[in-house]
PDB file of N, CA and C in Angstrom:
ATOM      1  N   MET A   1     111.261  14.269  34.014  1.00  0.00           N
ATOM      2  CA  MET A   1     111.821  15.216  34.933  1.00  0.00           C
ATOM      3  C   MET A   1     110.776  15.531  36.014  1.00  0.00           C
ATOM      4  N   ARG A   2     111.249  15.584  37.258  1.00  0.00           N
ATOM      5  CA  ARG A   2     110.379  15.906  38.383  1.00  0.00           C
ATOM      6  C   ARG A   2     110.915  17.165  39.058  1.00  0.00           C
ATOM      7  N   LEU A   3     110.091  18.190  39.137  1.00  0.00           N
ATOM      8  CA  LEU A   3     110.499  19.431  39.773  1.00  0.00           C
ATOM      9  C   LEU A   3     110.059  19.445  41.230  1.00  0.00           C
ATOM     10  N   VAL A   4     110.898  20.007  42.085  1.00  0.00           N
ATOM     11  CA  VAL A   4     110.540  20.217  43.487  1.00  0.00           C
ATOM     12  C   VAL A   4     110.720  21.694  43.801  1.00  0.00           C
ATOM     13  N   LYS A   5     109.939  22.179  44.740  1.00  0.00           N
ATOM     14  CA  LYS A   5     110.031  23.578  45.144  1.00  0.00           C
ATOM     15  C   LYS A   5     110.982  23.665  46.338  1.00  0.00           C
ATOM     16  N   LEU A   6     112.084  24.393  46.162  1.00  0.00           N
ATOM     17  CA  LEU A   6     113.121  24.482  47.180  1.00  0.00           C
ATOM     18  C   LEU A   6     113.359  25.931  47.594  1.00  0.00           C
ATOM     19  N   LEU A   7     113.791  26.105  48.846  1.00  0.00           N
ATOM     20  CA  LEU A   7     114.172  27.424  49.332  1.00  0.00           C
ATOM     21  C   LEU A   7     115.371  27.928  48.544  1.00  0.00           C
ATOM     22  N   LYS A   8     115.300  29.146  48.050  1.00  0.00           N
ATOM     23  CA  LYS A   8     116.363  29.776  47.268  1.00  0.00           C
ATOM     24  C   LYS A   8     117.037  30.887  48.056  1.00  0.00           C
ATOM     25  N   SER A   9     116.226  31.718  48.714  1.00  0.00           N
ATOM     26  CA  SER A   9     116.719  32.900  49.407  1.00  0.00           C
ATOM     27  C   SER A   9     115.938  33.093  50.699  1.00  0.00           C
ATOM     28  N   LYS A  10     116.651  33.550  51.758  1.00  0.00           N
ATOM     29  CA  LYS A  10     115.960  33.832  53.016  1.00  0.00           C
ATOM     30  C   LYS A  10     116.649  34.985  53.731  1.00  0.00           C
ATOM     31  N   ILE A  11     115.842  35.951  54.159  1.00  0.00           N
ATOM     32  CA  ILE A  11     116.313  37.085  54.952  1.00  0.00           C
ATOM     33  C   ILE A  11     115.675  36.926  56.323  1.00  0.00           C
ATOM     34  N   HIS A  12     116.507  36.771  57.331  1.00  0.00           N
ATOM     35  CA  HIS A  12     116.020  36.483  58.678  1.00  0.00           C
ATOM     36  C   HIS A  12     116.128  37.723  59.555  1.00  0.00           C
ATOM     37  N   HIS A  13     115.036  38.089  60.178  1.00  0.00           N
ATOM     38  CA  HIS A  13     114.913  39.206  61.121  1.00  0.00           C
ATOM     39  C   HIS A  13     115.116  40.582  60.488  1.00  0.00           C
ATOM     40  N   ALA A  14     114.576  40.754  59.289  1.00  0.00           N
ATOM     41  CA  ALA A  14     114.521  42.086  58.684  1.00  0.00           C
ATOM     42  C   ALA A  14     113.593  42.943  59.544  1.00  0.00           C
ATOM     43  N   ARG A  15     113.961  44.183  59.798  1.00  0.00           N
ATOM     44  CA  ARG A  15     113.136  45.099  60.605  1.00  0.00           C
ATOM     45  C   ARG A  15     112.344  46.032  59.694  1.00  0.00           C
ATOM     46  N   VAL A  16     111.046  46.083  59.924  1.00  0.00           N
ATOM     47  CA  VAL A  16     110.185  46.972  59.150  1.00  0.00           C
ATOM     48  C   VAL A  16     110.548  48.417  59.492  1.00  0.00           C
ATOM     49  N   THR A  17     110.871  49.207  58.474  1.00  0.00           N
ATOM     50  CA  THR A  17     111.184  50.615  58.684  1.00  0.00           C
ATOM     51  C   THR A  17     109.979  51.518  58.396  1.00  0.00           C
ATOM     52  N   TYR A  18     109.043  51.040  57.569  1.00  0.00           N
ATOM     53  CA  TYR A  18     107.811  51.804  57.330  1.00  0.00           C
ATOM     54  C   TYR A  18     106.739  50.878  56.794  1.00  0.00           C
ATOM     55  N   ALA A  19     105.489  51.321  56.924  1.00  0.00           N
ATOM     56  CA  ALA A  19     104.335  50.645  56.336  1.00  0.00           C
ATOM     57  C   ALA A  19     103.461  51.731  55.703  1.00  0.00           C
ATOM     58  N   ASN A  20     103.225  51.626  54.378  1.00  0.00           N
ATOM     59  CA  ASN A  20     102.524  52.668  53.631  1.00  0.00           C
ATOM     60  C   ASN A  20     101.369  52.051  52.839  1.00  0.00           C
ATOM     61  N   ALA A  21     100.176  52.173  53.368  1.00  0.00           N
ATOM     62  CA  ALA A  21      99.000  51.590  52.716  1.00  0.00           C
ATOM     63  C   ALA A  21      98.638  52.300  51.415  1.00  0.00           C
ATOM     64  N   GLU A  22      99.127  53.500  51.193  1.00  0.00           N
ATOM     65  CA  GLU A  22      98.760  54.288  50.013  1.00  0.00           C
ATOM     66  C   GLU A  22      99.565  53.932  48.769  1.00  0.00           C
ATOM     67  N   TYR A  23     100.594  53.089  48.910  1.00  0.00           N
ATOM     68  CA  TYR A  23     101.391  52.677  47.755  1.00  0.00           C
ATOM     69  C   TYR A  23     100.689  51.514  47.069  1.00  0.00           C
ATOM     70  N   VAL A  24     101.006  51.246  45.817  1.00  0.00           N
ATOM     71  CA  VAL A  24     100.336  50.212  45.026  1.00  0.00           C
ATOM     72  C   VAL A  24     100.455  48.818  45.655  1.00  0.00           C
ATOM     73  N   GLY A  25     101.579  48.474  46.234  1.00  0.00           N
ATOM     74  CA  GLY A  25     101.762  47.172  46.856  1.00  0.00           C
ATOM     75  C   GLY A  25     103.172  46.684  46.712  1.00  0.00           C
ATOM     76  N   SER A  26     103.583  45.744  47.535  1.00  0.00           N
ATOM     77  CA  SER A  26     104.906  45.120  47.466  1.00  0.00           C
ATOM     78  C   SER A  26     105.703  45.311  48.741  1.00  0.00           C
ATOM     79  N   ILE A  27     106.948  44.811  48.728  1.00  0.00           N
ATOM     80  CA  ILE A  27     107.879  45.013  49.831  1.00  0.00           C
ATOM     81  C   ILE A  27     109.166  45.613  49.276  1.00  0.00           C
ATOM     82  N   GLU A  28     109.582  46.714  49.873  1.00  0.00           N
ATOM     83  CA  GLU A  28     110.827  47.380  49.501  1.00  0.00           C
ATOM     84  C   GLU A  28     111.937  46.815  50.376  1.00  0.00           C
ATOM     85  N   ILE A  29     113.038  46.405  49.740  1.00  0.00           N
ATOM     86  CA  ILE A  29     114.143  45.762  50.460  1.00  0.00           C
ATOM     87  C   ILE A  29     115.448  46.449  50.098  1.00  0.00           C
ATOM     88  N   CYS A  30     116.284  46.625  51.098  1.00  0.00           N
ATOM     89  CA  CYS A  30     117.622  47.200  50.930  1.00  0.00           C
ATOM     90  C   CYS A  30     118.362  46.472  49.803  1.00  0.00           C
ATOM     91  N   PRO A  31     119.004  47.204  48.881  1.00  0.00           N
ATOM     92  CA  PRO A  31     119.674  46.559  47.750  1.00  0.00           C
ATOM     93  C   PRO A  31     120.828  45.639  48.159  1.00  0.00           C
ATOM     94  N   ASP A  32     121.559  45.991  49.215  1.00  0.00           N
ATOM     95  CA  ASP A  32     122.654  45.128  49.670  1.00  0.00           C
ATOM     96  C   ASP A  32     122.133  43.766  50.103  1.00  0.00           C
ATOM     97  N   VAL A  33     120.994  43.780  50.765  1.00  0.00           N
ATOM     98  CA  VAL A  33     120.394  42.533  51.256  1.00  0.00           C
ATOM     99  C   VAL A  33     119.855  41.721  50.084  1.00  0.00           C
ATOM    100  N   MET A  34     119.184  42.382  49.136  1.00  0.00           N
ATOM    101  CA  MET A  34     118.675  41.662  47.961  1.00  0.00           C
ATOM    102  C   MET A  34     119.816  40.984  47.213  1.00  0.00           C
ATOM    103  N   ASP A  35     120.915  41.704  47.016  1.00  0.00           N
ATOM    104  CA  ASP A  35     122.058  41.130  46.308  1.00  0.00           C
ATOM    105  C   ASP A  35     122.650  39.946  47.070  1.00  0.00           C
ATOM    106  N   ALA A  36     122.726  40.059  48.395  1.00  0.00           N
ATOM    107  CA  ALA A  36     123.343  39.007  49.209  1.00  0.00           C
ATOM    108  C   ALA A  36     122.593  37.682  49.119  1.00  0.00           C
ATOM    109  N   VAL A  37     121.270  37.744  48.920  1.00  0.00           N
ATOM    110  CA  VAL A  37     120.490  36.506  48.851  1.00  0.00           C
ATOM    111  C   VAL A  37     120.011  36.186  47.440  1.00  0.00           C
ATOM    112  N   GLY A  38     120.414  36.992  46.466  1.00  0.00           N
ATOM    113  CA  GLY A  38     120.071  36.705  45.079  1.00  0.00           C
ATOM    114  C   GLY A  38     118.640  37.005  44.688  1.00  0.00           C
ATOM    115  N   LEU A  39     117.993  37.962  45.338  1.00  0.00           N
ATOM    116  CA  LEU A  39     116.637  38.351  44.950  1.00  0.00           C
ATOM    117  C   LEU A  39     116.682  39.357  43.808  1.00  0.00           C
ATOM    118  N   LYS A  40     115.701  39.263  42.926  1.00  0.00           N
ATOM    119  CA  LYS A  40     115.596  40.176  41.791  1.00  0.00           C
ATOM    120  C   LYS A  40     114.388  41.100  41.978  1.00  0.00           C
ATOM    121  N   ASP A  41     114.464  42.282  41.364  1.00  0.00           N
ATOM    122  CA  ASP A  41     113.303  43.171  41.370  1.00  0.00           C
ATOM    123  C   ASP A  41     112.107  42.438  40.777  1.00  0.00           C
ATOM    124  N   GLY A  42     110.983  42.526  41.447  1.00  0.00           N
ATOM    125  CA  GLY A  42     109.763  41.887  40.962  1.00  0.00           C
ATOM    126  C   GLY A  42     109.616  40.438  41.365  1.00  0.00           C
ATOM    127  N   GLU A  43     110.587  39.874  42.082  1.00  0.00           N
ATOM    128  CA  GLU A  43     110.520  38.461  42.451  1.00  0.00           C
ATOM    129  C   GLU A  43     109.448  38.222  43.524  1.00  0.00           C
ATOM    130  N   TYR A  44     108.726  37.129  43.373  1.00  0.00           N
ATOM    131  CA  TYR A  44     107.670  36.699  44.290  1.00  0.00           C
ATOM    132  C   TYR A  44     108.307  36.245  45.600  1.00  0.00           C
ATOM    133  N   VAL A  45     107.829  36.794  46.728  1.00  0.00           N
ATOM    134  CA  VAL A  45     108.386  36.431  48.030  1.00  0.00           C
ATOM    135  C   VAL A  45     107.275  36.155  49.038  1.00  0.00           C
ATOM    136  N   HIS A  46     107.626  35.338  50.016  1.00  0.00           N
ATOM    137  CA  HIS A  46     106.793  35.104  51.188  1.00  0.00           C
ATOM    138  C   HIS A  46     107.330  36.004  52.291  1.00  0.00           C
ATOM    139  N   VAL A  47     106.420  36.601  53.065  1.00  0.00           N
ATOM    140  CA  VAL A  47     106.816  37.472  54.170  1.00  0.00           C
ATOM    141  C   VAL A  47     106.102  36.972  55.414  1.00  0.00           C
ATOM    142  N   TRP A  48     106.886  36.632  56.440  1.00  0.00           N
ATOM    143  CA  TRP A  48     106.345  36.095  57.686  1.00  0.00           C
ATOM    144  C   TRP A  48     106.723  37.019  58.826  1.00  0.00           C
ATOM    145  N   ASN A  49     105.714  37.529  59.555  1.00  0.00           N
ATOM    146  CA  ASN A  49     105.945  38.450  60.660  1.00  0.00           C
ATOM    147  C   ASN A  49     106.219  37.656  61.933  1.00  0.00           C
ATOM    148  N   VAL A  50     107.414  37.803  62.483  1.00  0.00           N
ATOM    149  CA  VAL A  50     107.820  37.074  63.693  1.00  0.00           C
ATOM    150  C   VAL A  50     107.026  37.555  64.908  1.00  0.00           C
ATOM    151  N   GLU A  51     106.617  38.812  64.918  1.00  0.00           N
ATOM    152  CA  GLU A  51     105.957  39.398  66.086  1.00  0.00           C
ATOM    153  C   GLU A  51     104.502  38.965  66.240  1.00  0.00           C
ATOM    154  N   ASN A  52     103.776  38.819  65.126  1.00  0.00           N
ATOM    155  CA  ASN A  52     102.343  38.527  65.239  1.00  0.00           C
ATOM    156  C   ASN A  52     101.890  37.290  64.459  1.00  0.00           C
ATOM    157  N   GLY A  53     102.805  36.636  63.758  1.00  0.00           N
ATOM    158  CA  GLY A  53     102.471  35.407  63.043  1.00  0.00           C
ATOM    159  C   GLY A  53     101.767  35.600  61.703  1.00  0.00           C
ATOM    160  N   LYS A  54     101.509  36.842  61.301  1.00  0.00           N
ATOM    161  CA  LYS A  54     100.841  37.079  60.018  1.00  0.00           C
ATOM    162  C   LYS A  54     101.778  36.736  58.870  1.00  0.00           C
ATOM    163  N   ARG A  55     101.181  36.231  57.772  1.00  0.00           N
ATOM    164  CA  ARG A  55     101.937  35.833  56.583  1.00  0.00           C
ATOM    165  C   ARG A  55     101.293  36.429  55.349  1.00  0.00           C
ATOM    166  N   LEU A  56     102.138  36.766  54.369  1.00  0.00           N
ATOM    167  CA  LEU A  56     101.617  37.266  53.105  1.00  0.00           C
ATOM    168  C   LEU A  56     102.601  36.933  51.997  1.00  0.00           C
ATOM    169  N   THR A  57     102.139  37.079  50.778  1.00  0.00           N
ATOM    170  CA  THR A  57     103.010  36.963  49.605  1.00  0.00           C
ATOM    171  C   THR A  57     102.864  38.253  48.807  1.00  0.00           C
ATOM    172  N   THR A  58     103.962  38.656  48.191  1.00  0.00           N
ATOM    173  CA  THR A  58     103.987  39.873  47.389  1.00  0.00           C
ATOM    174  C   THR A  58     105.214  39.821  46.489  1.00  0.00           C
ATOM    175  N   TYR A  59     105.579  40.935  45.902  1.00  0.00           N
ATOM    176  CA  TYR A  59     106.801  40.981  45.111  1.00  0.00           C
ATOM    177  C   TYR A  59     107.777  41.965  45.755  1.00  0.00           C
ATOM    178  N   ALA A  60     109.060  41.722  45.549  1.00  0.00           N
ATOM    179  CA  ALA A  60     110.111  42.551  46.137  1.00  0.00           C
ATOM    180  C   ALA A  60     110.620  43.568  45.128  1.00  0.00           C
ATOM    181  N   PHE A  61     111.055  44.719  45.632  1.00  0.00           N
ATOM    182  CA  PHE A  61     111.782  45.656  44.783  1.00  0.00           C
ATOM    183  C   PHE A  61     112.867  46.350  45.598  1.00  0.00           C
ATOM    184  N   ARG A  62     113.920  46.780  44.891  1.00  0.00           N
ATOM    185  CA  ARG A  62     115.048  47.473  45.514  1.00  0.00           C
ATOM    186  C   ARG A  62     114.624  48.813  46.053  1.00  0.00           C
ATOM    187  N   GLY A  63     115.100  49.085  47.283  1.00  0.00           N
ATOM    188  CA  GLY A  63     114.790  50.365  47.902  1.00  0.00           C
ATOM    189  C   GLY A  63     116.043  51.055  48.395  1.00  0.00           C
ATOM    190  N   GLU A  64     115.860  51.881  49.381  1.00  0.00           N
ATOM    191  CA  GLU A  64     116.960  52.610  49.996  1.00  0.00           C
ATOM    192  C   GLU A  64     117.775  51.676  50.887  1.00  0.00           C
ATOM    193  N   ARG A  65     119.031  51.999  51.073  1.00  0.00           N
ATOM    194  CA  ARG A  65     119.892  51.220  51.965  1.00  0.00           C
ATOM    195  C   ARG A  65     119.297  51.240  53.382  1.00  0.00           C
ATOM    196  N   GLY A  66     119.196  50.064  53.995  1.00  0.00           N
ATOM    197  CA  GLY A  66     118.658  49.926  55.344  1.00  0.00           C
ATOM    198  C   GLY A  66     117.150  49.828  55.425  1.00  0.00           C
ATOM    199  N   CYS A  67     116.477  49.955  54.299  1.00  0.00           N
ATOM    200  CA  CYS A  67     115.019  50.011  54.265  1.00  0.00           C
ATOM    201  C   CYS A  67     114.383  48.624  54.106  1.00  0.00           C
ATOM    202  N   ILE A  68     113.326  48.397  54.867  1.00  0.00           N
ATOM    203  CA  ILE A  68     112.408  47.278  54.647  1.00  0.00           C
ATOM    204  C   ILE A  68     111.014  47.891  54.799  1.00  0.00           C
ATOM    205  N   GLY A  69     110.306  48.073  53.698  1.00  0.00           N
ATOM    206  CA  GLY A  69     109.017  48.744  53.749  1.00  0.00           C
ATOM    207  C   GLY A  69     107.904  47.914  53.158  1.00  0.00           C
ATOM    208  N   LEU A  70     106.770  47.900  53.841  1.00  0.00           N
ATOM    209  CA  LEU A  70     105.591  47.192  53.352  1.00  0.00           C
ATOM    210  C   LEU A  70     104.613  48.203  52.764  1.00  0.00           C
ATOM    211  N   ASN A  71     104.106  47.897  51.576  1.00  0.00           N
ATOM    212  CA  ASN A  71     103.263  48.822  50.826  1.00  0.00           C
ATOM    213  C   ASN A  71     101.912  48.212  50.495  1.00  0.00           C
ATOM    214  N   GLY A  72     100.932  49.078  50.271  1.00  0.00           N
ATOM    215  CA  GLY A  72      99.597  48.628  49.909  1.00  0.00           C
ATOM    216  C   GLY A  72      98.976  47.812  51.036  1.00  0.00           C
ATOM    217  N   ALA A  73      98.228  46.791  50.675  1.00  0.00           N
ATOM    218  CA  ALA A  73      97.560  45.959  51.684  1.00  0.00           C
ATOM    219  C   ALA A  73      98.555  45.306  52.638  1.00  0.00           C
ATOM    220  N   ALA A  74      99.778  45.055  52.170  1.00  0.00           N
ATOM    221  CA  ALA A  74     100.810  44.452  53.023  1.00  0.00           C
ATOM    222  C   ALA A  74     101.126  45.324  54.233  1.00  0.00           C
ATOM    223  N   ALA A  75     100.884  46.631  54.136  1.00  0.00           N
ATOM    224  CA  ALA A  75     101.165  47.558  55.239  1.00  0.00           C
ATOM    225  C   ALA A  75     100.360  47.225  56.489  1.00  0.00           C
ATOM    226  N   PHE A  76      99.243  46.514  56.329  1.00  0.00           N
ATOM    227  CA  PHE A  76      98.409  46.166  57.475  1.00  0.00           C
ATOM    228  C   PHE A  76      98.892  44.910  58.202  1.00  0.00           C
ATOM    229  N   TYR A  77      99.935  44.266  57.696  1.00  0.00           N
ATOM    230  CA  TYR A  77     100.449  43.033  58.281  1.00  0.00           C
ATOM    231  C   TYR A  77     101.565  43.267  59.288  1.00  0.00           C
ATOM    232  N   ALA A  78     102.103  44.489  59.353  1.00  0.00           N
ATOM    233  CA  ALA A  78     103.228  44.741  60.253  1.00  0.00           C
ATOM    234  C   ALA A  78     103.296  46.219  60.614  1.00  0.00           C
ATOM    235  N   GLU A  79     104.037  46.490  61.679  1.00  0.00           N
ATOM    236  CA  GLU A  79     104.296  47.849  62.121  1.00  0.00           C
ATOM    237  C   GLU A  79     105.793  48.096  62.102  1.00  0.00           C
ATOM    238  N   PRO A  80     106.212  49.354  61.976  1.00  0.00           N
ATOM    239  CA  PRO A  80     107.648  49.638  62.050  1.00  0.00           C
ATOM    240  C   PRO A  80     108.266  49.017  63.306  1.00  0.00           C
ATOM    241  N   GLY A  81     109.417  48.389  63.111  1.00  0.00           N
ATOM    242  CA  GLY A  81     110.103  47.703  64.211  1.00  0.00           C
ATOM    243  C   GLY A  81     109.852  46.213  64.255  1.00  0.00           C
ATOM    244  N   ASP A  82     108.768  45.736  63.633  1.00  0.00           N
ATOM    245  CA  ASP A  82     108.502  44.293  63.611  1.00  0.00           C
ATOM    246  C   ASP A  82     109.617  43.566  62.872  1.00  0.00           C
ATOM    247  N   ARG A  83     109.906  42.336  63.309  1.00  0.00           N
ATOM    248  CA  ARG A  83     110.884  41.489  62.629  1.00  0.00           C
ATOM    249  C   ARG A  83     110.157  40.606  61.622  1.00  0.00           C
ATOM    250  N   LEU A  84     110.745  40.497  60.434  1.00  0.00           N
ATOM    251  CA  LEU A  84     110.179  39.679  59.362  1.00  0.00           C
ATOM    252  C   LEU A  84     111.167  38.621  58.917  1.00  0.00           C
ATOM    253  N   ILE A  85     110.628  37.542  58.395  1.00  0.00           N
ATOM    254  CA  ILE A  85     111.396  36.575  57.627  1.00  0.00           C
ATOM    255  C   ILE A  85     110.865  36.686  56.202  1.00  0.00           C
ATOM    256  N   ILE A  86     111.768  36.883  55.259  1.00  0.00           N
ATOM    257  CA  ILE A  86     111.400  37.031  53.848  1.00  0.00           C
ATOM    258  C   ILE A  86     112.048  35.874  53.093  1.00  0.00           C
ATOM    259  N   ALA A  87     111.256  35.092  52.371  1.00  0.00           N
ATOM    260  CA  ALA A  87     111.786  33.903  51.695  1.00  0.00           C
ATOM    261  C   ALA A  87     111.306  33.830  50.259  1.00  0.00           C
ATOM    262  N   ALA A  88     112.179  33.292  49.403  1.00  0.00           N
ATOM    263  CA  ALA A  88     111.833  33.036  48.003  1.00  0.00           C
ATOM    264  C   ALA A  88     112.176  31.588  47.690  1.00  0.00           C
ATOM    265  N   PHE A  89     111.378  30.990  46.839  1.00  0.00           N
ATOM    266  CA  PHE A  89     111.541  29.585  46.474  1.00  0.00           C
ATOM    267  C   PHE A  89     111.690  29.464  44.964  1.00  0.00           C
ATOM    268  N   THR A  90     112.183  28.319  44.519  1.00  0.00           N
ATOM    269  CA  THR A  90     112.310  28.065  43.094  1.00  0.00           C
ATOM    270  C   THR A  90     111.894  26.630  42.791  1.00  0.00           C
ATOM    271  N   TRP A  91     111.289  26.433  41.618  1.00  0.00           N
ATOM    272  CA  TRP A  91     110.987  25.091  41.129  1.00  0.00           C
ATOM    273  C   TRP A  91     112.189  24.619  40.314  1.00  0.00           C
ATOM    274  N   THR A  92     112.727  23.456  40.647  1.00  0.00           N
ATOM    275  CA  THR A  92     113.926  22.980  39.955  1.00  0.00           C
ATOM    276  C   THR A  92     114.045  21.463  40.055  1.00  0.00           C
ATOM    277  N   ASP A  93     114.883  20.910  39.200  1.00  0.00           N
ATOM    278  CA  ASP A  93     115.267  19.500  39.318  1.00  0.00           C
ATOM    279  C   ASP A  93     116.749  19.394  39.675  1.00  0.00           C
ATOM    280  N   GLU A  94     117.338  20.530  40.055  1.00  0.00           N
ATOM    281  CA  GLU A  94     118.751  20.583  40.430  1.00  0.00           C
ATOM    282  C   GLU A  94     118.884  20.898  41.920  1.00  0.00           C
ATOM    283  N   GLU A  95     120.065  20.647  42.460  1.00  0.00           N
ATOM    284  CA  GLU A  95     120.338  20.990  43.847  1.00  0.00           C
ATOM    285  C   GLU A  95     120.409  22.506  43.982  1.00  0.00           C
ATOM    286  N   VAL A  96     119.891  23.029  45.083  1.00  0.00           N
ATOM    287  CA  VAL A  96     119.927  24.463  45.369  1.00  0.00           C
ATOM    288  C   VAL A  96     120.583  24.666  46.731  1.00  0.00           C
ATOM    289  N   VAL A  97     121.547  25.553  46.788  1.00  0.00           N
ATOM    290  CA  VAL A  97     122.128  25.956  48.070  1.00  0.00           C
ATOM    291  C   VAL A  97     121.503  27.305  48.408  1.00  0.00           C
ATOM    292  N   PRO A  98     120.603  27.327  49.395  1.00  0.00           N
ATOM    293  CA  PRO A  98     119.920  28.588  49.696  1.00  0.00           C
ATOM    294  C   PRO A  98     120.884  29.643  50.221  1.00  0.00           C
ATOM    295  N   GLN A  99     120.637  30.877  49.829  1.00  0.00           N
ATOM    296  CA  GLN A  99     121.408  32.015  50.319  1.00  0.00           C
ATOM    297  C   GLN A  99     120.600  32.644  51.453  1.00  0.00           C
ATOM    298  N   ILE A 100     121.154  32.586  52.673  1.00  0.00           N
ATOM    299  CA  ILE A 100     120.438  32.999  53.873  1.00  0.00           C
ATOM    300  C   ILE A 100     121.282  34.006  54.644  1.00  0.00           C
ATOM    301  N   VAL A 101     120.649  35.119  55.047  1.00  0.00           N
ATOM    302  CA  VAL A 101     121.353  36.104  55.863  1.00  0.00           C
ATOM    303  C   VAL A 101     120.540  36.455  57.100  1.00  0.00           C
ATOM    304  N   LEU A 102     121.246  36.823  58.162  1.00  0.00           N
ATOM    305  CA  LEU A 102     120.665  37.315  59.399  1.00  0.00           C
ATOM    306  C   LEU A 102     120.970  38.805  59.477  1.00  0.00           C
ATOM    307  N   LEU A 103     119.936  39.602  59.770  1.00  0.00           N
ATOM    308  CA  LEU A 103     120.105  41.055  59.835  1.00  0.00           C
ATOM    309  C   LEU A 103     120.059  41.550  61.278  1.00  0.00           C
ATOM    310  N   ASP A 104     120.683  42.719  61.507  1.00  0.00           N
ATOM    311  CA  ASP A 104     120.587  43.357  62.820  1.00  0.00           C
ATOM    312  C   ASP A 104     119.400  44.321  62.817  1.00  0.00           C
ATOM    313  N   GLU A 105     119.244  45.094  63.891  1.00  0.00           N
ATOM    314  CA  GLU A 105     118.090  45.986  64.019  1.00  0.00           C
ATOM    315  C   GLU A 105     118.111  47.156  63.031  1.00  0.00           C
ATOM    316  N   HIS A 106     119.224  47.353  62.324  1.00  0.00           N
ATOM    317  CA  HIS A 106     119.323  48.403  61.298  1.00  0.00           C
ATOM    318  C   HIS A 106     119.332  47.813  59.883  1.00  0.00           C
ATOM    319  N   ASN A 107     118.958  46.551  59.766  1.00  0.00           N
ATOM    320  CA  ASN A 107     118.894  45.832  58.488  1.00  0.00           C
ATOM    321  C   ASN A 107     120.245  45.707  57.801  1.00  0.00           C
ATOM    322  N   ARG A 108     121.288  45.619  58.610  1.00  0.00           N
ATOM    323  CA  ARG A 108     122.624  45.315  58.092  1.00  0.00           C
ATOM    324  C   ARG A 108     122.859  43.824  58.268  1.00  0.00           C
ATOM    325  N   ILE A 109     123.578  43.237  57.336  1.00  0.00           N
ATOM    326  CA  ILE A 109     123.859  41.802  57.403  1.00  0.00           C
ATOM    327  C   ILE A 109     124.833  41.542  58.542  1.00  0.00           C
ATOM    328  N   VAL A 110     124.406  40.714  59.493  1.00  0.00           N
ATOM    329  CA  VAL A 110     125.243  40.324  60.626  1.00  0.00           C
ATOM    330  C   VAL A 110     126.105  39.133  60.230  1.00  0.00           C
ATOM    331  N   ARG A 111     125.458  38.165  59.556  1.00  0.00           N
ATOM    332  CA  ARG A 111     126.201  36.996  59.082  1.00  0.00           C
ATOM    333  C   ARG A 111     125.364  36.206  58.093  1.00  0.00           C
ATOM    334  N   GLU A 112     126.088  35.412  57.310  1.00  0.00           N
ATOM    335  CA  GLU A 112     125.421  34.457  56.432  1.00  0.00           C
ATOM    336  C   GLU A 112     125.198  33.200  57.245  1.00  0.00           C
ATOM    337  N   LEU A 113     124.023  32.635  57.141  1.00  0.00           N
ATOM    338  CA  LEU A 113     123.703  31.436  57.905  1.00  0.00           C
ATOM    339  C   LEU A 113     124.080  30.205  57.101  1.00  0.00           C
ATOM    340  N   THR A 114     124.538  29.185  57.788  1.00  0.00           N
ATOM    341  CA  THR A 114     124.959  27.952  57.150  1.00  0.00           C
ATOM    342  C   THR A 114     123.765  27.266  56.510  1.00  0.00           C
ATOM    343  N   PRO A 115     123.885  26.910  55.224  1.00  0.00           N
ATOM    344  CA  PRO A 115     122.794  26.144  54.593  1.00  0.00           C
ATOM    345  C   PRO A 115     122.593  24.804  55.309  1.00  0.00           C
ATOM    346  N   PHE A 116     121.570  24.146  54.932  1.00  0.00           N
ATOM    347  CA  PHE A 116     121.187  22.883  55.560  1.00  0.00           C
ATOM    348  C   PHE A 116     122.375  21.934  55.660  1.00  0.00           C
ATOM    349  N   ALA A 117     122.530  21.340  56.842  1.00  0.00           N
ATOM    350  CA  ALA A 117     123.625  20.390  57.052  1.00  0.00           C
ATOM    351  C   ALA A 117     123.338  19.090  56.310  1.00  0.00           C
ATOM    352  N   ARG A 118     124.364  18.507  55.786  1.00  0.00           N
ATOM    353  CA  ARG A 118     124.244  17.211  55.086  1.00  0.00           C
ATOM    354  C   ARG A 118     124.330  16.094  56.106  1.00  0.00           C
ATOM    355  N   HIS A 119     123.485  15.121  55.947  1.00  0.00           N
ATOM    356  CA  HIS A 119     123.496  13.934  56.817  1.00  0.00           C
ATOM    357  C   HIS A 119     123.944  12.743  55.985  1.00  0.00           C
ATOM    358  N   GLY A 120     124.707  11.876  56.598  1.00  0.00           N
ATOM    359  CA  GLY A 120     125.040  10.685  55.846  1.00  0.00           C
ATOM    360  C   GLY A 120     126.452  10.377  55.854  1.00  0.00           C
TER     361      GLY A 120
END
């Protein structure tokens, strides 16, 4: 068996609502958004800041509706209002259809994005 690391979940253009360096660490994500892309509490995620190019990894947890918050050292990677891409990957030997959503400036789901097009 050969495992490959594939994109599982992606949140595109999440808006940072707060950054709190005094918290232990992690990223707080709106529960509706987590459910839409299949993220679990404590799941390892990549966070990419569209505004400044900074990247980090941390774990996600459910927060308040509309909230995207960076905690601990992650708070230094973004400012409120910055757009983020949040992605999770999985190791598998099976096909994965990534769950991808695009958010508006209030972190509401605007639409689900079409997974990778098939060629052939």
